[in-house]
Amino acid sequence: KVIQQALHRQPNTAAQYLQQMYAAQQQHLMLQTAALQQQHLTSAQLQSLAAVQQASLAANRQSSSSAGNGTQAAPAQQPTVS
C-alpha cells in the first residue's frame, strides 16, 4: 500500500515519502518496545511486592508462634493484577 502510494508521486517526493513512512514505522516499533518493557517492569514490581508480603507473613507467623499465645496471623491478601 505504501509503495503504491509512493509510485503515484514524483521520483524525488516518492523517496521522501518512503523515508517518512520508514521513520514512522521505526518510531512505532520503538514505542511498542517501550510499552512492553514498561509492562515487564510493572510485572517485576508486582512480583517483588508479593515476595515482600510473603516474607512479612512468614515473619509474623514466626513471631506469633514464638510468643506462644496460640493465635495465628491472618493471611494477607494477594495483589490482583488488572
C-alpha atoms as a PDB file:
ATOM      1  CA  LYS A   1       0.000   0.000   0.000  1.00  0.00           C
ATOM      2  CA  VAL A   2       2.781   2.429   0.941  1.00  0.00           C
ATOM      3  CA  ILE A   3       4.730   1.565  -2.223  1.00  0.00           C
ATOM      4  CA  GLN A   4       1.617   2.014  -4.411  1.00  0.00           C
ATOM      5  CA  GLN A   5       1.087   5.453  -2.923  1.00  0.00           C
ATOM      6  CA  ALA A   6       4.754   6.309  -3.494  1.00  0.00           C
ATOM      7  CA  LEU A   7       4.529   5.268  -7.153  1.00  0.00           C
ATOM      8  CA  HIS A   8       1.931   7.970  -7.816  1.00  0.00           C
ATOM      9  CA  ARG A   9       4.396  10.694  -6.791  1.00  0.00           C
ATOM     10  CA  GLN A  10       7.405  12.347  -8.424  1.00  0.00           C
ATOM     11  CA  PRO A  11      10.633  10.300  -8.022  1.00  0.00           C
ATOM     12  CA  ASN A  12      12.192  12.717  -5.513  1.00  0.00           C
ATOM     13  CA  THR A  13       8.996  13.086  -3.475  1.00  0.00           C
ATOM     14  CA  ALA A  14       8.427   9.310  -3.633  1.00  0.00           C
ATOM     15  CA  ALA A  15      11.801   8.732  -1.976  1.00  0.00           C
ATOM     16  CA  GLN A  16      10.999  11.313   0.697  1.00  0.00           C
ATOM     17  CA  TYR A  17       7.593   9.715   1.249  1.00  0.00           C
ATOM     18  CA  LEU A  18       9.111   6.253   1.708  1.00  0.00           C
ATOM     19  CA  GLN A  19      11.717   7.643   4.100  1.00  0.00           C
ATOM     20  CA  GLN A  20       8.974   9.297   6.163  1.00  0.00           C
ATOM     21  CA  MET A  21       6.937   6.074   6.248  1.00  0.00           C
ATOM     22  CA  TYR A  22      10.035   4.119   7.298  1.00  0.00           C
ATOM     23  CA  ALA A  23      10.801   6.634  10.050  1.00  0.00           C
ATOM     24  CA  ALA A  24       7.195   6.445  11.272  1.00  0.00           C
ATOM     25  CA  GLN A  25       7.377   2.638  11.391  1.00  0.00           C
ATOM     26  CA  GLN A  26      10.644   2.768  13.318  1.00  0.00           C
ATOM     27  CA  GLN A  27       9.137   5.191  15.837  1.00  0.00           C
ATOM     28  CA  HIS A  28       6.077   2.969  16.220  1.00  0.00           C
ATOM     29  CA  LEU A  29       8.288  -0.058  16.892  1.00  0.00           C
ATOM     30  CA  MET A  30      10.286   1.883  19.476  1.00  0.00           C
ATOM     31  CA  LEU A  31       7.077   2.929  21.237  1.00  0.00           C
ATOM     32  CA  GLN A  32       5.803  -0.666  21.226  1.00  0.00           C
ATOM     33  CA  THR A  33       9.109  -1.878  22.675  1.00  0.00           C
ATOM     34  CA  ALA A  34       8.999   0.772  25.392  1.00  0.00           C
ATOM     35  CA  ALA A  35       5.422  -0.210  26.273  1.00  0.00           C
ATOM     36  CA  LEU A  36       6.396  -3.887  26.526  1.00  0.00           C
ATOM     37  CA  GLN A  37       9.366  -3.013  28.717  1.00  0.00           C
ATOM     38  CA  GLN A  38       7.086  -0.957  30.968  1.00  0.00           C
ATOM     39  CA  GLN A  39       4.676  -3.896  31.273  1.00  0.00           C
ATOM     40  CA  HIS A  40       7.570  -6.201  32.144  1.00  0.00           C
ATOM     41  CA  LEU A  41       8.799  -3.735  34.755  1.00  0.00           C
ATOM     42  CA  THR A  42       5.341  -3.496  36.284  1.00  0.00           C
ATOM     43  CA  SER A  43       5.113  -7.278  36.415  1.00  0.00           C
ATOM     44  CA  ALA A  44       8.508  -7.467  38.121  1.00  0.00           C
ATOM     45  CA  GLN A  45       7.413  -4.843  40.650  1.00  0.00           C
ATOM     46  CA  LEU A  46       4.267  -6.829  41.429  1.00  0.00           C
ATOM     47  CA  GLN A  47       6.308  -9.983  41.921  1.00  0.00           C
ATOM     48  CA  SER A  48       8.636  -8.076  44.226  1.00  0.00           C
ATOM     49  CA  LEU A  49       5.680  -6.751  46.222  1.00  0.00           C
ATOM     50  CA  ALA A  50       4.253 -10.266  46.548  1.00  0.00           C
ATOM     51  CA  ALA A  51       7.633 -11.563  47.765  1.00  0.00           C
ATOM     52  CA  VAL A  52       7.821  -8.815  50.388  1.00  0.00           C
ATOM     53  CA  GLN A  53       4.302  -9.667  51.556  1.00  0.00           C
ATOM     54  CA  GLN A  54       5.186 -13.357  51.794  1.00  0.00           C
ATOM     55  CA  ALA A  55       8.318 -12.581  53.821  1.00  0.00           C
ATOM     56  CA  SER A  56       6.319 -10.290  56.103  1.00  0.00           C
ATOM     57  CA  LEU A  57       3.698 -13.006  56.611  1.00  0.00           C
ATOM     58  CA  ALA A  58       6.362 -15.579  57.449  1.00  0.00           C
ATOM     59  CA  ALA A  59       7.934 -13.188  59.982  1.00  0.00           C
ATOM     60  CA  ASN A  60       4.538 -12.503  61.564  1.00  0.00           C
ATOM     61  CA  ARG A  61       3.787 -16.212  61.866  1.00  0.00           C
ATOM     62  CA  GLN A  62       7.174 -16.894  63.394  1.00  0.00           C
ATOM     63  CA  SER A  63       6.871 -14.088  65.953  1.00  0.00           C
ATOM     64  CA  SER A  64       3.329 -15.071  66.953  1.00  0.00           C
ATOM     65  CA  SER A  65       4.247 -18.748  67.342  1.00  0.00           C
ATOM     66  CA  SER A  66       7.357 -17.928  69.377  1.00  0.00           C
ATOM     67  CA  ALA A  67       5.241 -15.715  71.640  1.00  0.00           C
ATOM     68  CA  GLY A  68       3.258 -18.830  72.488  1.00  0.00           C
ATOM     69  CA  ASN A  69      -0.121 -17.136  72.518  1.00  0.00           C
ATOM     70  CA  GLY A  70      -1.604 -19.695  70.136  1.00  0.00           C
ATOM     71  CA  THR A  71      -3.020 -17.125  67.708  1.00  0.00           C
ATOM     72  CA  GLN A  72      -2.227 -17.330  64.035  1.00  0.00           C
ATOM     73  CA  ALA A  73      -1.644 -14.319  61.833  1.00  0.00           C
ATOM     74  CA  ALA A  74      -4.388 -13.752  59.282  1.00  0.00           C
ATOM     75  CA  PRO A  75      -3.179 -14.357  55.716  1.00  0.00           C
ATOM     76  CA  ALA A  76      -2.583 -11.189  53.734  1.00  0.00           C
ATOM     77  CA  GLN A  77      -4.476 -10.585  50.521  1.00  0.00           C
ATOM     78  CA  GLN A  78      -2.580 -11.302  47.357  1.00  0.00           C
ATOM     79  CA  PRO A  79      -2.211  -8.349  44.949  1.00  0.00           C
ATOM     80  CA  THR A  80      -4.544  -8.550  41.996  1.00  0.00           C
ATOM     81  CA  VAL A  81      -3.152  -7.910  38.537  1.00  0.00           C
ATOM     82  CA  SER A  82      -5.553  -5.978  36.378  1.00  0.00           C
END
